[in-house]
PDB file of N, CA and C in Angstrom:
ATOM      1  N   MET A   1       0.553  -1.437  -0.327  1.00  0.00           N
ATOM      2  CA  MET A   1      -0.004   0.141   0.015  1.00  0.00           C
ATOM      3  C   MET A   1       0.983   1.454  -0.136  1.00  0.00           C
ATOM      4  N   LEU A   2       0.718   2.452  -1.049  1.00  0.00           N
ATOM      5  CA  LEU A   2       1.281   3.584  -0.851  1.00  0.00           C
ATOM      6  C   LEU A   2       0.175   4.643  -0.700  1.00  0.00           C
ATOM      7  N   THR A   3       1.541   5.534   0.056  1.00  0.00           N
ATOM      8  CA  THR A   3       0.165   6.897   0.123  1.00  0.00           C
ATOM      9  C   THR A   3       1.403   8.119  -0.521  1.00  0.00           C
ATOM     10  N   LEU A   4       0.171   8.967  -1.241  1.00  0.00           N
ATOM     11  CA  LEU A   4       1.035   9.719  -1.991  1.00  0.00           C
ATOM     12  C   LEU A   4      -0.140  11.086  -1.455  1.00  0.00           C
ATOM     13  N   LYS A   5       0.743  12.069  -1.233  1.00  0.00           N
ATOM     14  CA  LYS A   5      -0.267  13.532  -0.734  1.00  0.00           C
ATOM     15  C   LYS A   5      -1.781  13.179  -0.481  1.00  0.00           C
ATOM     16  N   GLY A   6      -1.233  12.015   0.808  1.00  0.00           N
ATOM     17  CA  GLY A   6      -2.984  12.020   1.168  1.00  0.00           C
ATOM     18  C   GLY A   6      -3.798  10.988   0.251  1.00  0.00           C
ATOM     19  N   LEU A   7      -3.437  10.503  -0.667  1.00  0.00           N
ATOM     20  CA  LEU A   7      -4.052   8.975  -0.952  1.00  0.00           C
ATOM     21  C   LEU A   7      -3.331   8.116  -0.930  1.00  0.00           C
ATOM     22  N   GLU A   8      -4.297   7.013  -0.812  1.00  0.00           N
ATOM     23  CA  GLU A   8      -4.082   5.911  -0.404  1.00  0.00           C
ATOM     24  C   GLU A   8      -4.130   4.954  -1.464  1.00  0.00           C
ATOM     25  N   MET A   9      -3.295   4.382  -1.713  1.00  0.00           N
ATOM     26  CA  MET A   9      -2.940   3.718  -3.208  1.00  0.00           C
ATOM     27  C   MET A   9      -2.756   2.131  -2.900  1.00  0.00           C
ATOM     28  N   ILE A  10      -3.327   1.132  -3.724  1.00  0.00           N
ATOM     29  CA  ILE A  10      -3.334  -0.323  -3.903  1.00  0.00           C
ATOM     30  C   ILE A  10      -2.996  -0.797  -4.902  1.00  0.00           C
ATOM     31  N   ASN A  11      -2.164  -1.559  -4.916  1.00  0.00           N
ATOM     32  CA  ASN A  11      -1.734  -2.415  -6.031  1.00  0.00           C
ATOM     33  C   ASN A  11      -2.812  -3.823  -6.269  1.00  0.00           C
ATOM     34  N   TYR A  12      -3.626  -3.961  -6.855  1.00  0.00           N
ATOM     35  CA  TYR A  12      -4.830  -5.054  -7.065  1.00  0.00           C
ATOM     36  C   TYR A  12      -4.948  -5.781  -8.681  1.00  0.00           C
ATOM     37  N   GLN A  13      -4.469  -6.934  -8.498  1.00  0.00           N
ATOM     38  CA  GLN A  13      -4.435  -7.497  -9.559  1.00  0.00           C
ATOM     39  C   GLN A  13      -3.968  -6.716 -10.854  1.00  0.00           C
ATOM     40  N   ASP A  14      -2.731  -6.409 -11.291  1.00  0.00           N
ATOM     41  CA  ASP A  14      -1.752  -5.996 -11.610  1.00  0.00           C
ATOM     42  C   ASP A  14      -2.135  -4.255 -12.038  1.00  0.00           C
ATOM     43  N   LYS A  15      -3.159  -3.339 -11.228  1.00  0.00           N
ATOM     44  CA  LYS A  15      -3.479  -2.321 -11.544  1.00  0.00           C
ATOM     45  C   LYS A  15      -3.548  -1.774 -10.365  1.00  0.00           C
ATOM     46  N   LEU A  16      -3.716  -0.566 -10.513  1.00  0.00           N
ATOM     47  CA  LEU A  16      -3.238   0.341  -9.322  1.00  0.00           C
ATOM     48  C   LEU A  16      -4.317   1.458  -9.289  1.00  0.00           C
ATOM     49  N   TYR A  17      -4.593   1.317  -7.901  1.00  0.00           N
ATOM     50  CA  TYR A  17      -6.224   1.805  -7.821  1.00  0.00           C
ATOM     51  C   TYR A  17      -5.795   3.025  -6.160  1.00  0.00           C
ATOM     52  N   TYR A  18      -6.946   3.962  -6.004  1.00  0.00           N
ATOM     53  CA  TYR A  18      -6.834   4.837  -5.030  1.00  0.00           C
ATOM     54  C   TYR A  18      -7.999   4.482  -4.005  1.00  0.00           C
ATOM     55  N   VAL A  19      -7.860   4.679  -2.984  1.00  0.00           N
ATOM     56  CA  VAL A  19      -8.843   4.317  -2.077  1.00  0.00           C
ATOM     57  C   VAL A  19      -9.549   5.615  -2.139  1.00  0.00           C
ATOM     58  N   TYR A  20     -11.058   5.415  -2.444  1.00  0.00           N
ATOM     59  CA  TYR A  20     -12.104   6.734  -2.674  1.00  0.00           C
ATOM     60  C   TYR A  20     -12.612   6.692  -1.278  1.00  0.00           C
ATOM     61  N   ARG A  21     -13.099   5.530  -0.595  1.00  0.00           N
ATOM     62  CA  ARG A  21     -14.103   5.767   0.980  1.00  0.00           C
ATOM     63  C   ARG A  21     -13.862   4.175   1.189  1.00  0.00           C
ATOM     64  N   ARG A  22     -13.664   4.339   2.555  1.00  0.00           N
ATOM     65  CA  ARG A  22     -13.451   2.698   3.432  1.00  0.00           C
ATOM     66  C   ARG A  22     -15.150   2.727   4.492  1.00  0.00           C
ATOM     67  N   PHE A  23     -15.646   2.004   4.201  1.00  0.00           N
ATOM     68  CA  PHE A  23     -17.064   2.188   5.542  1.00  0.00           C
ATOM     69  C   PHE A  23     -17.317   0.559   5.933  1.00  0.00           C
ATOM     70  N   SER A  24     -17.736   0.107   6.811  1.00  0.00           N
ATOM     71  CA  SER A  24     -18.107  -0.673   7.793  1.00  0.00           C
ATOM     72  C   SER A  24     -18.994  -1.201   6.766  1.00  0.00           C
ATOM     73  N   LYS A  25     -18.613  -2.933   6.669  1.00  0.00           N
ATOM     74  CA  LYS A  25     -19.844  -3.576   5.745  1.00  0.00           C
ATOM     75  C   LYS A  25     -21.314  -3.376   6.603  1.00  0.00           C
ATOM     76  N   ASN A  26     -21.478  -2.960   7.970  1.00  0.00           N
ATOM     77  CA  ASN A  26     -23.021  -2.968   8.629  1.00  0.00           C
ATOM     78  C   ASN A  26     -23.749  -1.567   7.761  1.00  0.00           C
ATOM     79  N   LEU A  27     -22.568  -0.510   7.742  1.00  0.00           N
ATOM     80  CA  LEU A  27     -23.473   0.603   7.532  1.00  0.00           C
ATOM     81  C   LEU A  27     -23.837   0.647   5.721  1.00  0.00           C
ATOM     82  N   ILE A  28     -23.856  -0.618   5.133  1.00  0.00           N
ATOM     83  CA  ILE A  28     -24.533  -0.374   3.979  1.00  0.00           C
ATOM     84  C   ILE A  28     -25.924  -1.361   3.778  1.00  0.00           C
ATOM     85  N   LYS A  29     -26.635  -1.619   3.755  1.00  0.00           N
ATOM     86  CA  LYS A  29     -27.388  -2.394   3.168  1.00  0.00           C
ATOM     87  C   LYS A  29     -27.196  -3.370   2.541  1.00  0.00           C
ATOM     88  N   GLU A  30     -27.462  -4.817   2.940  1.00  0.00           N
ATOM     89  CA  GLU A  30     -27.052  -5.819   2.047  1.00  0.00           C
ATOM     90  C   GLU A  30     -27.654  -5.870   0.894  1.00  0.00           C
ATOM     91  N   GLY A  31     -27.333  -5.589  -0.273  1.00  0.00           N
ATOM     92  CA  GLY A  31     -27.668  -5.541  -1.522  1.00  0.00           C
ATOM     93  C   GLY A  31     -27.245  -4.360  -2.219  1.00  0.00           C
ATOM     94  N   PHE A  32     -27.143  -3.032  -2.054  1.00  0.00           N
ATOM     95  CA  PHE A  32     -26.823  -1.986  -1.962  1.00  0.00           C
ATOM     96  C   PHE A  32     -25.294  -1.529  -2.224  1.00  0.00           C
ATOM     97  N   VAL A  33     -24.357  -2.364  -2.366  1.00  0.00           N
ATOM     98  CA  VAL A  33     -22.770  -2.347  -2.506  1.00  0.00           C
ATOM     99  C   VAL A  33     -22.996  -1.710  -3.982  1.00  0.00           C
ATOM    100  N   ASN A  34     -23.313  -2.568  -5.075  1.00  0.00           N
ATOM    101  CA  ASN A  34     -23.011  -2.255  -6.088  1.00  0.00           C
ATOM    102  C   ASN A  34     -23.811  -0.971  -6.741  1.00  0.00           C
ATOM    103  N   ASP A  35     -24.919  -0.850  -6.194  1.00  0.00           N
ATOM    104  CA  ASP A  35     -25.516   0.511  -6.052  1.00  0.00           C
ATOM    105  C   ASP A  35     -24.516   1.624  -5.623  1.00  0.00           C
ATOM    106  N   VAL A  36     -23.717   1.613  -4.381  1.00  0.00           N
ATOM    107  CA  VAL A  36     -23.022   2.750  -3.869  1.00  0.00           C
ATOM    108  C   VAL A  36     -21.583   2.854  -4.864  1.00  0.00           C
ATOM    109  N   LYS A  37     -21.067   1.467  -4.910  1.00  0.00           N
ATOM    110  CA  LYS A  37     -20.179   1.563  -5.916  1.00  0.00           C
ATOM    111  C   LYS A  37     -20.277   2.517  -7.128  1.00  0.00           C
ATOM    112  N   GLU A  38     -21.739   2.369  -7.711  1.00  0.00           N
ATOM    113  CA  GLU A  38     -21.699   3.108  -8.856  1.00  0.00           C
ATOM    114  C   GLU A  38     -22.283   4.589  -8.469  1.00  0.00           C
ATOM    115  N   LEU A  39     -22.885   4.631  -7.926  1.00  0.00           N
ATOM    116  CA  LEU A  39     -22.656   6.625  -7.204  1.00  0.00           C
ATOM    117  C   LEU A  39     -21.199   7.110  -6.841  1.00  0.00           C
ATOM    118  N   TRP A  40     -20.591   6.298  -6.396  1.00  0.00           N
ATOM    119  CA  TRP A  40     -19.317   7.008  -6.257  1.00  0.00           C
ATOM    120  C   TRP A  40     -18.371   6.947  -7.656  1.00  0.00           C
ATOM    121  N   HIS A  41     -18.869   6.030  -8.550  1.00  0.00           N
ATOM    122  CA  HIS A  41     -18.186   6.212  -9.690  1.00  0.00           C
ATOM    123  C   HIS A  41     -17.048   5.127  -9.385  1.00  0.00           C
ATOM    124  N   CYS A  42     -16.655   3.723  -8.468  1.00  0.00           N
ATOM    125  CA  CYS A  42     -15.838   3.161  -8.277  1.00  0.00           C
ATOM    126  C   CYS A  42     -15.560   2.173  -9.417  1.00  0.00           C
ATOM    127  N   ASP A  43     -14.468   1.314  -9.259  1.00  0.00           N
ATOM    128  CA  ASP A  43     -14.299   0.448 -10.281  1.00  0.00           C
ATOM    129  C   ASP A  43     -14.389  -0.572  -9.548  1.00  0.00           C
ATOM    130  N   VAL A  44     -13.887  -0.869  -8.399  1.00  0.00           N
ATOM    131  CA  VAL A  44     -13.876  -1.913  -7.290  1.00  0.00           C
ATOM    132  C   VAL A  44     -14.096  -2.420  -5.924  1.00  0.00           C
ATOM    133  N   VAL A  45     -14.793  -2.890  -5.365  1.00  0.00           N
ATOM    134  CA  VAL A  45     -14.852  -2.967  -3.652  1.00  0.00           C
ATOM    135  C   VAL A  45     -14.254  -4.013  -3.213  1.00  0.00           C
ATOM    136  N   LEU A  46     -13.728  -3.868  -2.574  1.00  0.00           N
ATOM    137  CA  LEU A  46     -13.054  -5.066  -1.907  1.00  0.00           C
ATOM    138  C   LEU A  46     -13.646  -5.207  -0.269  1.00  0.00           C
ATOM    139  N   LYS A  47     -13.344  -6.632   0.351  1.00  0.00           N
ATOM    140  CA  LYS A  47     -13.887  -6.683   1.808  1.00  0.00           C
ATOM    141  C   LYS A  47     -12.557  -6.761   2.564  1.00  0.00           C
ATOM    142  N   LYS A  48     -12.601  -6.141   3.443  1.00  0.00           N
ATOM    143  CA  LYS A  48     -11.508  -6.380   4.448  1.00  0.00           C
ATOM    144  C   LYS A  48     -12.058  -7.126   5.445  1.00  0.00           C
ATOM    145  N   LYS A  49     -11.916  -8.408   6.216  1.00  0.00           N
ATOM    146  CA  LYS A  49     -12.344  -9.501   7.307  1.00  0.00           C
ATOM    147  C   LYS A  49     -11.275  -9.019   8.315  1.00  0.00           C
ATOM    148  N   ASN A  50     -11.474  -8.611   9.267  1.00  0.00           N
ATOM    149  CA  ASN A  50     -11.185  -8.190  10.695  1.00  0.00           C
ATOM    150  C   ASN A  50     -11.380  -9.610  11.562  1.00  0.00           C
ATOM    151  N   GLU A  51     -11.039  -9.138  12.591  1.00  0.00           N
ATOM    152  CA  GLU A  51     -11.646 -10.392  13.444  1.00  0.00           C
ATOM    153  C   GLU A  51     -12.729 -10.481  13.790  1.00  0.00           C
ATOM    154  N   ASP A  52     -13.708  -9.417  14.145  1.00  0.00           N
ATOM    155  CA  ASP A  52     -15.188  -8.964  14.178  1.00  0.00           C
ATOM    156  C   ASP A  52     -15.756  -8.567  13.736  1.00  0.00           C
ATOM    157  N   ASP A  53     -15.305  -7.725  12.482  1.00  0.00           N
ATOM    158  CA  ASP A  53     -15.577  -7.021  11.351  1.00  0.00           C
ATOM    159  C   ASP A  53     -15.293  -6.730   9.925  1.00  0.00           C
ATOM    160  N   GLU A  54     -16.296  -6.534   9.504  1.00  0.00           N
ATOM    161  CA  GLU A  54     -15.654  -6.442   7.898  1.00  0.00           C
ATOM    162  C   GLU A  54     -15.851  -4.877   7.367  1.00  0.00           C
ATOM    163  N   THR A  55     -14.801  -4.835   6.253  1.00  0.00           N
ATOM    164  CA  THR A  55     -14.583  -3.369   5.488  1.00  0.00           C
ATOM    165  C   THR A  55     -14.845  -3.318   4.873  1.00  0.00           C
ATOM    166  N   LEU A  56     -15.630  -2.522   4.046  1.00  0.00           N
ATOM    167  CA  LEU A  56     -15.587  -2.515   2.687  1.00  0.00           C
ATOM    168  C   LEU A  56     -14.248  -1.088   1.607  1.00  0.00           C
ATOM    169  N   ILE A  57     -13.973  -1.476   0.788  1.00  0.00           N
ATOM    170  CA  ILE A  57     -12.900  -0.859   0.750  1.00  0.00           C
ATOM    171  C   ILE A  57     -12.819  -0.072  -1.466  1.00  0.00           C
ATOM    172  N   PHE A  58     -13.624   1.112  -0.712  1.00  0.00           N
ATOM    173  CA  PHE A  58     -14.391   1.425  -2.632  1.00  0.00           C
ATOM    174  C   PHE A  58     -13.093   2.186  -3.133  1.00  0.00           C
ATOM    175  N   LEU A  59     -12.312   1.432  -4.454  1.00  0.00           N
ATOM    176  CA  LEU A  59     -11.239   1.917  -5.166  1.00  0.00           C
ATOM    177  C   LEU A  59     -11.973   2.404  -6.585  1.00  0.00           C
ATOM    178  N   VAL A  60     -10.699   3.273  -6.705  1.00  0.00           N
ATOM    179  CA  VAL A  60     -11.030   4.066  -8.236  1.00  0.00           C
ATOM    180  C   VAL A  60      -9.236   3.781  -8.714  1.00  0.00           C
ATOM    181  N   GLU A  61      -9.586   2.855 -10.172  1.00  0.00           N
ATOM    182  CA  GLU A  61      -8.865   2.816 -10.762  1.00  0.00           C
ATOM    183  C   GLU A  61      -7.953   4.012 -11.228  1.00  0.00           C
ATOM    184  N   ILE A  62      -6.082   3.920 -11.183  1.00  0.00           N
ATOM    185  CA  ILE A  62      -5.979   5.238 -11.717  1.00  0.00           C
ATOM    186  C   ILE A  62      -5.147   4.280 -13.320  1.00  0.00           C
ATOM    187  N   PRO A  63      -5.994   5.027 -13.916  1.00  0.00           N
ATOM    188  CA  PRO A  63      -5.685   4.830 -15.335  1.00  0.00           C
ATOM    189  C   PRO A  63      -3.882   5.003 -15.811  1.00  0.00           C
ATOM    190  N   ASP A  64      -3.157   4.102 -16.580  1.00  0.00           N
ATOM    191  CA  ASP A  64      -1.558   4.209 -17.244  1.00  0.00           C
ATOM    192  C   ASP A  64      -1.952   5.776 -17.268  1.00  0.00           C
ATOM    193  N   ALA A  65      -0.444   6.048 -17.284  1.00  0.00           N
ATOM    194  CA  ALA A  65      -0.436   7.506 -17.047  1.00  0.00           C
ATOM    195  C   ALA A  65       0.699   7.667 -18.642  1.00  0.00           C
ATOM    196  N   VAL A  66       0.690   8.824 -19.639  1.00  0.00           N
ATOM    197  CA  VAL A  66       1.104   9.153 -20.563  1.00  0.00           C
ATOM    198  C   VAL A  66       2.036  10.270 -20.211  1.00  0.00           C
ATOM    199  N   ILE A  67       3.146  10.460 -20.328  1.00  0.00           N
ATOM    200  CA  ILE A  67       4.239  11.472 -19.610  1.00  0.00           C
ATOM    201  C   ILE A  67       4.721  12.187 -21.088  1.00  0.00           C
ATOM    202  N   ILE A  68       4.047  13.474 -20.839  1.00  0.00           N
ATOM    203  CA  ILE A  68       4.336  14.468 -21.964  1.00  0.00           C
ATOM    204  C   ILE A  68       5.550  15.268 -21.661  1.00  0.00           C
ATOM    205  N   GLU A  69       6.457  15.624 -22.084  1.00  0.00           N
ATOM    206  CA  GLU A  69       7.401  16.180 -21.863  1.00  0.00           C
ATOM    207  C   GLU A  69       7.039  17.688 -22.921  1.00  0.00           C
ATOM    208  N   GLU A  70       7.598  19.030 -21.844  1.00  0.00           N
ATOM    209  CA  GLU A  70       7.562  20.229 -22.620  1.00  0.00           C
ATOM    210  C   GLU A  70       8.755  20.489 -23.338  1.00  0.00           C
ATOM    211  N   SER A  71       8.496  21.287 -24.578  1.00  0.00           N
ATOM    212  CA  SER A  71       9.521  21.273 -25.194  1.00  0.00           C
ATOM    213  C   SER A  71      10.658  22.730 -24.582  1.00  0.00           C
ATOM    214  N   GLU A  72      11.276  22.562 -25.351  1.00  0.00           N
ATOM    215  CA  GLU A  72      12.631  23.721 -24.478  1.00  0.00           C
ATOM    216  C   GLU A  72      11.986  25.274 -24.901  1.00  0.00           C
ATOM    217  N   LYS A  73      12.031  26.085 -24.121  1.00  0.00           N
ATOM    218  CA  LYS A  73      11.374  27.210 -24.328  1.00  0.00           C
ATOM    219  C   LYS A  73      12.837  28.113 -24.465  1.00  0.00           C
ATOM    220  N   ASN A  74      12.785  28.651 -25.593  1.00  0.00           N
ATOM    221  CA  ASN A  74      14.277  29.584 -25.676  1.00  0.00           C
ATOM    222  C   ASN A  74      13.592  30.699 -25.301  1.00  0.00           C
TER     223      ASN A  74
END
């Protein structure tokens, strides 16, 4: 897991994502996870299981970057 200027990033299945939101599974009604995912324009939702709680992690994919170099100014 990486952090960059306040963004928490996760590498999952060879793709890079940033964490949009984390919620306890208890706060979202059963069957509405996909609706929330679409509302927040997230690409993936992961479930993180602790001993007594489950956390839903809503992720947005970071697309491959294309680096454009500025031409030198005279």
